[in-house]
Amino acid sequence: MERFALKYLIDSVIVIDHLNGIESATAFLREHGTAATLSVVTRAEVLAGCSDDHADAVLALLNSFPALPITVDIADLAATLRRTQRWKLPDALQAAVAIRHDRVLVTRNTRDFQAGGTDPVVLVPYRL
């Protein structure tokens, strides 16, 4: 199977919704998963909330996506976004990863991110 161009950065809440059986999250991942990446922030947030009983299945899911690291450049941009946008640091890190890797940040976190904003471009695929 040929991999599609990677264009999405999946936020933690989308993965968590999928794991909690939210069909809208599952449908998005099913339809767009081959074009999706995660950040190490998403990986850490999802694993932090995972019970030992589900760890193997959660790791298998997380390992099915390429994971983008946090570099010094991304950390510096996240610090700027944290100061200027007043976002929580994990949100600023997600945004910085999306910006530096030219990805669309997929989230349902409309409190902190504005869909259709310019930096980063945000997609809210569903609402609960």
C-alpha atoms as a PDB file:
ATOM      1  CA  MET A   1       0.000   0.000   0.000  1.00  0.00           C
ATOM      2  CA  GLU A   2       1.424   3.368  -1.003  1.00  0.00           C
ATOM      3  CA  ARG A   3       1.466   5.943   1.790  1.00  0.00           C
ATOM      4  CA  PHE A   4      -0.332   9.212   1.113  1.00  0.00           C
ATOM      5  CA  ALA A   5       1.458  12.527   1.600  1.00  0.00           C
ATOM      6  CA  LEU A   6       1.596  13.245   5.312  1.00  0.00           C
ATOM      7  CA  LYS A   7      -0.513  16.296   5.997  1.00  0.00           C
ATOM      8  CA  TYR A   8      -2.140  15.914   9.423  1.00  0.00           C
ATOM      9  CA  LEU A   9      -0.843  16.161  12.977  1.00  0.00           C
ATOM     10  CA  ILE A  10      -3.313  14.374  15.232  1.00  0.00           C
ATOM     11  CA  ASP A  11      -3.861  15.976  18.639  1.00  0.00           C
ATOM     12  CA  SER A  12      -4.137  13.823  21.748  1.00  0.00           C
ATOM     13  CA  VAL A  13      -7.862  14.405  22.176  1.00  0.00           C
ATOM     14  CA  ILE A  14      -8.612  12.738  18.824  1.00  0.00           C
ATOM     15  CA  VAL A  15      -6.662   9.598  19.788  1.00  0.00           C
ATOM     16  CA  ILE A  16      -8.244   9.566  23.255  1.00  0.00           C
ATOM     17  CA  ASP A  17     -11.729   9.962  21.759  1.00  0.00           C
ATOM     18  CA  HIS A  18     -11.018   7.029  19.428  1.00  0.00           C
ATOM     19  CA  LEU A  19      -9.870   4.899  22.364  1.00  0.00           C
ATOM     20  CA  ASN A  20     -13.048   5.877  24.236  1.00  0.00           C
ATOM     21  CA  GLY A  21     -15.235   4.681  21.371  1.00  0.00           C
ATOM     22  CA  ILE A  22     -16.219   8.060  19.897  1.00  0.00           C
ATOM     23  CA  GLU A  23     -17.215   7.043  16.374  1.00  0.00           C
ATOM     24  CA  SER A  24     -16.419  10.452  14.864  1.00  0.00           C
ATOM     25  CA  ALA A  25     -12.788  10.128  15.972  1.00  0.00           C
ATOM     26  CA  THR A  26     -12.573   6.557  14.724  1.00  0.00           C
ATOM     27  CA  ALA A  27     -14.077   7.557  11.369  1.00  0.00           C
ATOM     28  CA  PHE A  28     -11.570  10.397  10.956  1.00  0.00           C
ATOM     29  CA  LEU A  29      -8.617   8.128  11.755  1.00  0.00           C
ATOM     30  CA  ARG A  30      -9.969   5.416   9.460  1.00  0.00           C
ATOM     31  CA  GLU A  31     -10.383   7.851   6.566  1.00  0.00           C
ATOM     32  CA  HIS A  32      -7.245   9.981   7.053  1.00  0.00           C
ATOM     33  CA  GLY A  33      -4.887   7.847   9.130  1.00  0.00           C
ATOM     34  CA  THR A  34      -2.541   7.086   6.246  1.00  0.00           C
ATOM     35  CA  ALA A  35      -1.883  10.834   5.906  1.00  0.00           C
ATOM     36  CA  ALA A  36      -1.444  11.411   9.635  1.00  0.00           C
ATOM     37  CA  THR A  37       1.416  11.813  12.074  1.00  0.00           C
ATOM     38  CA  LEU A  38       1.569  12.269  15.827  1.00  0.00           C
ATOM     39  CA  SER A  39       3.896  14.369  17.906  1.00  0.00           C
ATOM     40  CA  VAL A  40       5.787  12.984  20.863  1.00  0.00           C
ATOM     41  CA  VAL A  41       3.480  15.214  22.950  1.00  0.00           C
ATOM     42  CA  THR A  42       0.447  13.224  21.798  1.00  0.00           C
ATOM     43  CA  ARG A  43       2.288   9.984  22.466  1.00  0.00           C
ATOM     44  CA  ALA A  44       3.170  11.040  26.023  1.00  0.00           C
ATOM     45  CA  GLU A  45      -0.296  12.411  26.818  1.00  0.00           C
ATOM     46  CA  VAL A  46      -2.066   9.287  25.566  1.00  0.00           C
ATOM     47  CA  LEU A  47       0.314   6.906  27.343  1.00  0.00           C
ATOM     48  CA  ALA A  48       0.070   8.912  30.581  1.00  0.00           C
ATOM     49  CA  GLY A  49      -3.656   8.190  30.751  1.00  0.00           C
ATOM     50  CA  CYS A  50      -3.391   4.550  29.694  1.00  0.00           C
ATOM     51  CA  SER A  51      -3.932   1.694  32.124  1.00  0.00           C
ATOM     52  CA  ASP A  52      -1.480  -1.201  32.182  1.00  0.00           C
ATOM     53  CA  ASP A  53      -4.282  -3.488  30.958  1.00  0.00           C
ATOM     54  CA  HIS A  54      -4.550  -1.559  27.682  1.00  0.00           C
ATOM     55  CA  ALA A  55      -0.920  -0.532  27.207  1.00  0.00           C
ATOM     56  CA  ASP A  56      -0.099  -3.061  24.466  1.00  0.00           C
ATOM     57  CA  ALA A  57      -3.111  -2.112  22.334  1.00  0.00           C
ATOM     58  CA  VAL A  58      -2.512   1.609  22.840  1.00  0.00           C
ATOM     59  CA  LEU A  59       1.172   1.252  21.954  1.00  0.00           C
ATOM     60  CA  ALA A  60       0.225  -0.671  18.806  1.00  0.00           C
ATOM     61  CA  LEU A  61      -2.097   2.171  17.790  1.00  0.00           C
ATOM     62  CA  LEU A  62       0.479   4.878  18.537  1.00  0.00           C
ATOM     63  CA  ASN A  63       3.193   2.937  16.699  1.00  0.00           C
ATOM     64  CA  SER A  64       1.031   2.832  13.566  1.00  0.00           C
ATOM     65  CA  PHE A  65       1.685   6.573  13.085  1.00  0.00           C
ATOM     66  CA  PRO A  66       5.029   8.294  12.468  1.00  0.00           C
ATOM     67  CA  ALA A  67       5.980  10.348  15.535  1.00  0.00           C
ATOM     68  CA  LEU A  68       7.494  13.799  15.098  1.00  0.00           C
ATOM     69  CA  PRO A  69      10.068  14.907  17.697  1.00  0.00           C
ATOM     70  CA  ILE A  70      10.473  18.183  19.505  1.00  0.00           C
ATOM     71  CA  THR A  71      13.619  19.931  18.326  1.00  0.00           C
ATOM     72  CA  VAL A  72      15.260  23.042  19.739  1.00  0.00           C
ATOM     73  CA  ASP A  73      13.657  25.084  16.943  1.00  0.00           C
ATOM     74  CA  ILE A  74      10.217  23.668  17.772  1.00  0.00           C
ATOM     75  CA  ALA A  75      10.731  24.287  21.507  1.00  0.00           C
ATOM     76  CA  ASP A  76      11.701  27.896  20.819  1.00  0.00           C
ATOM     77  CA  LEU A  77       8.646  28.427  18.603  1.00  0.00           C
ATOM     78  CA  ALA A  78       6.428  26.791  21.247  1.00  0.00           C
ATOM     79  CA  ALA A  79       7.784  29.211  23.860  1.00  0.00           C
ATOM     80  CA  THR A  80       6.936  32.148  21.601  1.00  0.00           C
ATOM     81  CA  LEU A  81       3.433  30.771  20.967  1.00  0.00           C
ATOM     82  CA  ARG A  82       2.964  30.191  24.697  1.00  0.00           C
ATOM     83  CA  ARG A  83       3.853  33.806  25.438  1.00  0.00           C
ATOM     84  CA  THR A  84       1.969  35.435  22.560  1.00  0.00           C
ATOM     85  CA  GLN A  85      -1.124  33.221  22.414  1.00  0.00           C
ATOM     86  CA  ARG A  86      -1.240  32.375  26.128  1.00  0.00           C
ATOM     87  CA  TRP A  87      -1.693  28.682  25.293  1.00  0.00           C
ATOM     88  CA  LYS A  88      -0.792  25.892  27.673  1.00  0.00           C
ATOM     89  CA  LEU A  89       2.641  24.515  26.886  1.00  0.00           C
ATOM     90  CA  PRO A  90       1.401  21.175  25.465  1.00  0.00           C
ATOM     91  CA  ASP A  91      -0.902  23.069  23.063  1.00  0.00           C
ATOM     92  CA  ALA A  92       1.918  25.413  22.060  1.00  0.00           C
ATOM     93  CA  LEU A  93       4.186  22.417  21.433  1.00  0.00           C
ATOM     94  CA  GLN A  94       1.528  20.766  19.253  1.00  0.00           C
ATOM     95  CA  ALA A  95       1.075  23.965  17.272  1.00  0.00           C
ATOM     96  CA  ALA A  96       4.823  24.421  16.843  1.00  0.00           C
ATOM     97  CA  VAL A  97       5.257  20.851  15.586  1.00  0.00           C
ATOM     98  CA  ALA A  98       2.401  21.394  13.116  1.00  0.00           C
ATOM     99  CA  ILE A  99       3.870  24.663  11.875  1.00  0.00           C
ATOM    100  CA  ARG A 100       7.437  23.388  11.475  1.00  0.00           C
ATOM    101  CA  HIS A 101       6.328  20.209   9.687  1.00  0.00           C
ATOM    102  CA  ASP A 102       3.690  21.943   7.551  1.00  0.00           C
ATOM    103  CA  ARG A 103       0.844  19.875   8.985  1.00  0.00           C
ATOM    104  CA  VAL A 104      -2.793  20.634   9.696  1.00  0.00           C
ATOM    105  CA  LEU A 105      -3.397  20.241  13.431  1.00  0.00           C
ATOM    106  CA  VAL A 106      -6.431  17.997  13.906  1.00  0.00           C
ATOM    107  CA  THR A 107      -8.120  18.633  17.242  1.00  0.00           C
ATOM    108  CA  ARG A 108     -11.466  19.319  18.818  1.00  0.00           C
ATOM    109  CA  ASN A 109      -9.863  21.754  21.260  1.00  0.00           C
ATOM    110  CA  THR A 110     -11.759  24.851  20.126  1.00  0.00           C
ATOM    111  CA  ARG A 111     -11.156  26.596  23.436  1.00  0.00           C
ATOM    112  CA  ASP A 112      -7.472  27.105  22.668  1.00  0.00           C
ATOM    113  CA  PHE A 113      -7.301  26.836  18.882  1.00  0.00           C
ATOM    114  CA  GLN A 114      -9.369  28.700  16.334  1.00  0.00           C
ATOM    115  CA  ALA A 115     -10.355  26.594  13.339  1.00  0.00           C
ATOM    116  CA  GLY A 116      -9.280  28.350  10.190  1.00  0.00           C
ATOM    117  CA  GLY A 117      -6.593  30.392  11.929  1.00  0.00           C
ATOM    118  CA  THR A 118      -3.343  31.012  10.107  1.00  0.00           C
ATOM    119  CA  ASP A 119      -0.664  29.693  12.489  1.00  0.00           C
ATOM    120  CA  PRO A 120      -1.229  26.820  12.763  1.00  0.00           C
ATOM    121  CA  VAL A 121      -3.931  25.729  10.398  1.00  0.00           C
ATOM    122  CA  VAL A 122      -6.414  23.825  12.512  1.00  0.00           C
ATOM    123  CA  LEU A 123      -9.056  21.285  11.518  1.00  0.00           C
ATOM    124  CA  VAL A 124     -11.880  20.451  13.912  1.00  0.00           C
ATOM    125  CA  PRO A 125     -13.370  17.321  12.309  1.00  0.00           C
ATOM    126  CA  TYR A 126     -16.248  16.899  14.791  1.00  0.00           C
ATOM    127  CA  ARG A 127     -17.715  18.321  17.986  1.00  0.00           C
ATOM    128  CA  LEU A 128     -19.126  16.537  20.996  1.00  0.00           C
END
